[in-house]
Amino acid sequence: MTDRPNERISYFNGEYVPESHVVVPFRDRGFRWGDGAFDTERTVNGKLFRLKEHIDRLYRSLRYLKIEVNETPEEMVAITEEVVKRNLSLLPEGEDYWVFQNVSRGADWVGDEPNLRRGPTVIVHVQPIPFRSRAKLYREGIELMIAPFRRTPPESQSPRAKLTNYINVTLADMHVKAQNPDAWAGLLDINGNLNEGTGQNLWLVRDGELYTPRREMILEGVSRDTVIDIAADLGITVHETDLDLFDSYTADEIFLSSTSLCICPVRSIDSRRPAQEGIPGPVTRRLMDGYKTLLDYDFEQQYLQFLD
């Protein structure tokens, strides 16, 4: 296999190799059944943000699936830092990486034939954050549409584990984008309450206070916890509670939080605009500024600089 010039480096089952050398068997259970877990971080000005919290969540997901990897959490932190270090020279100025740990249960046996390799498949890799395609979101806000697909309920599988099988939110995203290619999908839970996006936590602002779906029904985002911490520092009350479409249609402000976005304002939900004029609204602006202070970096301007 020939290496490609300027090829990014990944960690693959104990070795650091060019991306093109990461070849997963077609009998891998992650490919065949979505039997695995993953987590994601981002770099901020080239440095990983809250890596330990993400790795801790990854290992909670793995314990939920009963997948045991050879790498300890501490080793996974060091491996991730090494992957980022090996790829920093390929990062264009002003950009940052999205960082992934992907773990599957490994390959199935073929009938009674033993596998050539036992144990889970472990991959750590990076890719550039899509700043250019998302830059306008920080000027115009996200158009959010509620999909008809419900988020998988805890009775089926826990939404608190970050699992490889994303068909639920993928179908929601496909449905929404068929109506509006620029829209982002939001999902309801099985009870008709607001849940989360395709990889983002949802926030409403009403009368200067924050409202977000309760953690038992969603993936507990590390960025979500960051927003809660910032709100506490700013003296903004946070309510974790069931919310319905009435709450979203009558909110003063709406925003999403995620690893790559940090915080991004929502312009409309189902074509209904929040009561507060301006993108972002005043409470969202305070939280975004607090996030920048925590990062010691202006993530908003990092996106906006790529506006065409």
Protein backbone atom coordinates (compact mmCIF):
# COMPACT_ATOMS: atom_id res chain seq x y z
CA MET A 1 0.00 0.00 0.00
CA THR A 2 1.46 3.32 -1.08
CA ASP A 3 1.43 6.27 1.27
CA ARG A 4 -0.14 9.43 -0.05
CA PRO A 5 1.69 12.76 0.30
CA ASN A 6 0.60 14.92 3.23
CA GLU A 7 -1.62 12.13 4.52
CA ARG A 8 -3.03 12.39 8.01
CA ILE A 9 -1.96 9.85 10.63
CA SER A 10 -4.38 7.70 12.64
CA TYR A 11 -4.08 5.25 15.51
CA PHE A 12 -5.25 1.79 14.41
CA ASN A 13 -5.18 -1.20 16.77
CA GLY A 14 -1.95 -0.28 18.51
CA GLU A 15 -0.09 1.43 15.67
CA TYR A 16 0.17 4.93 14.20
CA VAL A 17 -0.39 4.60 10.47
CA PRO A 18 -1.41 6.75 7.47
CA GLU A 19 -5.19 7.03 7.10
CA SER A 20 -5.17 4.91 3.95
CA HIS A 21 -3.73 2.02 6.00
CA VAL A 22 -6.76 1.93 8.32
CA VAL A 23 -8.62 -1.00 6.77
CA VAL A 24 -11.50 -2.51 8.73
CA PRO A 25 -12.59 -6.09 7.80
CA PHE A 26 -16.06 -6.31 6.28
CA ARG A 27 -16.92 -8.82 9.02
CA ASP A 28 -16.24 -6.20 11.70
CA ARG A 29 -19.31 -5.90 13.91
CA GLY A 30 -19.12 -2.13 13.78
CA PHE A 31 -19.58 -2.24 10.00
CA ARG A 32 -22.11 -5.10 9.99
CA TRP A 33 -24.28 -4.21 12.96
CA GLY A 34 -23.29 -0.78 14.25
CA ASP A 35 -21.95 -2.61 17.31
CA GLY A 36 -19.65 -0.04 18.82
CA ALA A 37 -19.22 3.32 20.49
CA PHE A 38 -17.42 6.54 19.69
CA ASP A 39 -16.67 9.98 21.02
CA THR A 40 -15.51 13.26 19.57
CA GLU A 41 -13.52 16.28 20.68
CA ARG A 42 -12.23 19.38 18.96
CA THR A 43 -9.03 21.27 19.13
CA VAL A 44 -9.13 24.94 20.03
CA ASN A 45 -6.24 26.81 18.43
CA GLY A 46 -4.57 23.42 18.06
CA LYS A 47 -5.15 22.24 21.65
CA LEU A 48 -7.67 19.61 22.74
CA PHE A 49 -10.56 20.88 24.87
CA ARG A 50 -11.92 18.80 27.79
CA LEU A 51 -10.37 15.61 26.43
CA LYS A 52 -10.57 13.73 29.74
CA GLU A 53 -14.33 14.36 30.01
CA HIS A 54 -14.86 12.98 26.52
CA ILE A 55 -12.71 9.91 27.16
CA ASP A 56 -14.56 9.26 30.41
CA ARG A 57 -17.84 9.34 28.48
CA LEU A 58 -16.39 7.00 25.84
CA TYR A 59 -15.50 4.43 28.49
CA ARG A 60 -18.97 4.70 30.05
CA SER A 61 -20.41 3.90 26.60
CA LEU A 62 -18.03 0.93 26.27
CA ARG A 63 -19.02 -0.40 29.71
CA TYR A 64 -22.66 -0.11 28.69
CA LEU A 65 -21.89 -2.28 25.62
CA LYS A 66 -19.57 -4.62 27.58
CA ILE A 67 -16.69 -3.94 25.19
CA GLU A 68 -13.28 -4.18 26.85
CA VAL A 69 -10.32 -2.53 25.11
CA ASN A 70 -6.64 -2.99 25.94
CA GLU A 71 -6.09 0.75 26.17
CA THR A 72 -6.74 2.31 29.57
CA PRO A 73 -8.52 5.69 29.69
CA GLU A 74 -5.19 7.33 30.51
CA GLU A 75 -3.57 5.64 27.52
CA MET A 76 -6.45 6.70 25.28
CA VAL A 77 -5.89 10.30 26.35
CA ALA A 78 -2.18 10.00 25.49
CA ILE A 79 -2.93 8.28 22.16
CA THR A 80 -5.39 11.02 21.19
CA GLU A 81 -2.90 13.74 22.06
CA GLU A 82 -0.26 11.96 19.98
CA VAL A 83 -2.56 11.67 16.96
CA VAL A 84 -3.31 15.38 17.12
CA LYS A 85 0.39 16.20 17.52
CA ARG A 86 1.31 14.14 14.45
CA ASN A 87 -1.28 15.95 12.32
CA LEU A 88 -0.89 19.57 13.44
CA SER A 89 1.57 20.40 10.66
CA LEU A 90 -1.15 19.57 8.10
CA LEU A 91 -3.69 21.93 9.65
CA PRO A 92 -4.20 25.16 7.66
CA GLU A 93 -3.74 28.39 9.57
CA GLY A 94 -6.82 29.44 11.50
CA GLU A 95 -8.43 25.99 11.42
CA ASP A 96 -8.88 23.19 13.94
CA TYR A 97 -9.49 19.47 14.05
CA TRP A 98 -12.50 17.36 14.88
CA VAL A 99 -11.05 14.37 16.76
CA PHE A 100 -12.66 10.91 16.93
CA GLN A 101 -12.24 7.70 18.89
CA ASN A 102 -14.13 4.85 17.17
CA VAL A 103 -14.36 1.44 18.88
CA SER A 104 -16.21 -1.66 17.68
CA ARG A 105 -16.53 -5.10 19.22
CA GLY A 106 -14.32 -6.45 16.46
CA ALA A 107 -14.82 -9.05 13.74
CA ASP A 108 -17.19 -12.02 13.89
CA TRP A 109 -15.94 -15.55 13.52
CA VAL A 110 -16.67 -17.17 10.15
CA GLY A 111 -18.74 -20.19 11.12
CA ASP A 112 -16.43 -22.28 13.31
CA GLU A 113 -13.28 -20.71 11.88
CA PRO A 114 -11.35 -18.55 14.40
CA ASN A 115 -10.66 -14.92 13.63
CA LEU A 116 -7.25 -13.85 12.43
CA ARG A 117 -7.41 -11.14 15.08
CA ARG A 118 -9.21 -11.17 18.39
CA GLY A 119 -10.58 -8.20 20.29
CA PRO A 120 -12.12 -4.82 19.54
CA THR A 121 -11.21 -2.52 16.68
CA VAL A 122 -9.84 0.78 18.00
CA ILE A 123 -9.30 3.82 15.77
CA VAL A 124 -8.37 7.40 16.68
CA HIS A 125 -8.39 9.90 13.83
CA VAL A 126 -8.84 13.58 12.98
CA GLN A 127 -10.56 15.59 10.29
CA PRO A 128 -10.80 19.35 9.72
CA ILE A 129 -13.88 21.06 11.17
CA PRO A 130 -16.14 22.24 8.28
CA PHE A 131 -15.79 25.95 9.01
CA ARG A 132 -16.62 27.14 5.50
CA SER A 133 -19.96 25.37 5.16
CA ARG A 134 -21.01 26.40 8.67
CA ALA A 135 -19.71 29.97 8.80
CA LYS A 136 -23.04 31.58 7.86
CA LEU A 137 -24.75 29.90 10.81
CA TYR A 138 -23.07 32.36 13.17
CA ARG A 139 -24.38 35.30 11.17
CA GLU A 140 -27.83 34.00 10.21
CA GLY A 141 -28.55 31.29 12.79
CA ILE A 142 -29.56 27.65 12.29
CA GLU A 143 -32.89 26.74 10.70
CA LEU A 144 -34.14 23.91 12.89
CA MET A 145 -36.93 21.57 11.77
CA ILE A 146 -38.55 18.89 13.91
CA ALA A 147 -38.41 15.51 12.16
CA PRO A 148 -41.22 12.94 12.36
CA PHE A 149 -38.76 10.31 13.62
CA ARG A 150 -38.65 9.95 17.42
CA ARG A 151 -35.36 9.59 19.27
CA THR A 152 -34.72 6.02 20.39
CA PRO A 153 -36.26 5.71 23.88
CA PRO A 154 -34.42 4.44 26.97
CA GLU A 155 -36.68 1.38 26.92
CA SER A 156 -34.99 0.35 23.65
CA GLN A 157 -31.42 1.51 24.28
CA SER A 158 -29.96 4.19 26.48
CA PRO A 159 -29.54 7.55 24.74
CA ARG A 160 -26.85 8.32 27.34
CA ALA A 161 -24.37 6.06 25.49
CA LYS A 162 -22.74 7.46 22.35
CA LEU A 163 -23.20 4.47 20.07
CA THR A 164 -22.00 3.92 16.51
CA ASN A 165 -25.49 3.10 15.22
CA TYR A 166 -26.78 6.54 14.18
CA ILE A 167 -29.50 5.42 11.76
CA ASN A 168 -32.20 7.01 13.95
CA VAL A 169 -30.81 10.54 13.63
CA THR A 170 -29.58 9.91 10.07
CA LEU A 171 -33.13 9.23 8.89
CA ALA A 172 -34.30 12.37 10.69
CA ASP A 173 -31.57 14.43 9.01
CA MET A 174 -32.38 13.00 5.57
CA HIS A 175 -36.08 13.75 6.00
CA VAL A 176 -35.49 17.35 7.04
CA LYS A 177 -32.94 18.06 4.32
CA ALA A 178 -35.34 16.73 1.68
CA GLN A 179 -37.67 19.60 2.69
CA ASN A 180 -34.92 22.20 3.19
CA PRO A 181 -31.28 21.40 2.36
CA ASP A 182 -30.09 24.12 4.75
CA ALA A 183 -32.13 22.93 7.74
CA TRP A 184 -30.86 20.96 10.71
CA ALA A 185 -32.99 18.22 12.25
CA GLY A 186 -34.40 18.21 15.75
CA LEU A 187 -36.05 15.16 17.28
CA LEU A 188 -38.77 14.59 19.85
CA ASP A 189 -38.67 11.77 22.39
CA ILE A 190 -41.23 8.97 22.48
CA ASN A 191 -43.49 11.11 24.69
CA GLY A 192 -43.53 14.05 22.28
CA ASN A 193 -41.07 16.18 24.27
CA LEU A 194 -38.13 18.03 22.73
CA ASN A 195 -35.05 15.80 22.78
CA GLU A 196 -31.92 16.72 20.80
CA GLY A 197 -30.50 17.31 17.35
CA THR A 198 -28.46 14.98 15.17
CA GLY A 199 -25.46 15.57 17.40
CA GLN A 200 -26.35 18.69 19.36
CA ASN A 201 -28.09 19.50 22.62
CA LEU A 202 -31.04 21.89 22.49
CA TRP A 203 -31.54 25.01 24.64
CA LEU A 204 -34.43 27.43 25.07
CA VAL A 205 -34.34 30.84 26.76
CA ARG A 206 -37.43 32.21 28.49
CA ASP A 207 -37.53 35.26 30.75
CA GLY A 208 -33.73 35.25 31.04
CA GLU A 209 -33.52 31.61 32.20
CA LEU A 210 -32.30 28.47 30.41
CA TYR A 211 -34.37 25.37 29.69
CA THR A 212 -33.01 22.09 28.30
CA PRO A 213 -34.31 18.50 28.10
CA ARG A 214 -33.55 16.34 31.13
CA ARG A 215 -30.43 14.21 30.97
CA GLU A 216 -32.18 10.85 31.36
CA MET A 217 -33.59 11.18 27.82
CA ILE A 218 -30.57 12.51 25.90
CA LEU A 219 -26.87 12.11 25.30
CA GLU A 220 -25.23 14.20 28.02
CA GLY A 221 -23.00 16.42 25.95
CA VAL A 222 -19.70 17.62 27.34
CA SER A 223 -20.50 20.97 25.71
CA ARG A 224 -23.90 20.82 27.44
CA ASP A 225 -22.14 20.51 30.80
CA THR A 226 -19.88 23.37 29.77
CA VAL A 227 -22.90 25.59 29.11
CA ILE A 228 -24.33 24.68 32.52
CA ASP A 229 -21.01 25.62 34.16
CA ILE A 230 -20.86 28.95 32.30
CA ALA A 231 -24.48 29.73 33.18
CA ALA A 232 -23.73 29.13 36.85
CA ASP A 233 -20.79 31.54 36.67
CA LEU A 234 -23.03 34.15 35.01
CA GLY A 235 -25.87 33.69 37.49
CA ILE A 236 -28.25 32.31 34.84
CA THR A 237 -30.72 29.73 36.14
CA VAL A 238 -30.83 26.39 34.29
CA HIS A 239 -33.88 24.13 34.23
CA GLU A 240 -33.46 20.50 33.11
CA THR A 241 -37.02 19.43 32.38
CA ASP A 242 -39.49 18.06 29.84
CA LEU A 243 -40.21 20.59 27.09
CA ASP A 244 -42.75 20.37 24.30
CA LEU A 245 -43.23 22.11 20.97
CA PHE A 246 -45.24 24.87 22.66
CA ASP A 247 -42.13 25.73 24.68
CA SER A 248 -39.99 25.96 21.55
CA TYR A 249 -42.56 27.93 19.55
CA THR A 250 -42.90 30.51 22.35
CA ALA A 251 -39.23 30.72 23.42
CA ASP A 252 -37.40 34.04 23.57
CA GLU A 253 -34.20 32.50 22.19
CA ILE A 254 -33.03 29.07 21.01
CA PHE A 255 -29.51 27.74 20.53
CA LEU A 256 -27.64 24.47 20.07
CA SER A 257 -24.47 23.29 21.78
CA SER A 258 -22.03 20.67 20.52
CA THR A 259 -18.35 19.83 20.43
CA SER A 260 -17.65 21.39 17.05
CA LEU A 261 -20.13 24.29 17.27
CA CYS A 262 -19.57 25.15 20.95
CA ILE A 263 -22.71 27.36 20.93
CA CYS A 264 -24.62 28.38 17.82
CA PRO A 265 -27.86 30.42 17.72
CA VAL A 266 -31.04 29.06 16.13
CA ARG A 267 -32.86 31.44 13.77
CA SER A 268 -36.11 29.47 13.56
CA ILE A 269 -37.76 26.20 14.53
CA ASP A 270 -40.32 24.85 12.06
CA SER A 271 -40.10 28.28 10.37
CA ARG A 272 -41.20 30.02 13.60
CA ARG A 273 -38.80 32.66 14.85
CA PRO A 274 -38.08 33.14 18.56
CA ALA A 275 -39.58 36.23 20.19
CA GLN A 276 -36.19 37.88 20.71
CA GLU A 277 -34.92 39.78 17.68
CA GLY A 278 -31.28 39.48 16.66
CA ILE A 279 -28.79 36.68 16.10
CA PRO A 280 -27.72 35.76 18.69
CA GLY A 281 -30.16 36.92 21.40
CA PRO A 282 -28.84 38.64 24.54
CA VAL A 283 -28.70 35.57 26.80
CA THR A 284 -27.16 33.45 24.06
CA ARG A 285 -24.61 36.22 23.49
CA ARG A 286 -23.63 36.23 27.18
CA LEU A 287 -23.16 32.46 27.11
CA MET A 288 -21.16 32.58 23.87
CA ASP A 289 -18.89 35.25 25.33
CA GLY A 290 -18.51 33.16 28.49
CA TYR A 291 -17.56 30.16 26.36
CA LYS A 292 -14.92 32.24 24.59
CA THR A 293 -13.50 33.33 27.93
CA LEU A 294 -13.31 29.71 29.07
CA LEU A 295 -11.57 28.68 25.84
CA ASP A 296 -9.42 31.83 25.77
CA TYR A 297 -10.32 31.80 22.08
CA ASP A 298 -13.00 33.38 19.86
CA PHE A 299 -14.67 30.35 18.26
CA GLU A 300 -17.37 32.54 16.72
CA GLN A 301 -14.87 34.68 14.83
CA GLN A 302 -13.04 31.52 13.80
CA TYR A 303 -16.18 30.47 11.90
CA LEU A 304 -17.04 33.94 10.63
CA GLN A 305 -13.62 34.47 9.03
CA PHE A 306 -14.57 31.82 6.46
CA LEU A 307 -17.64 33.68 5.20
CA ASP A 308 -17.40 34.06 1.44
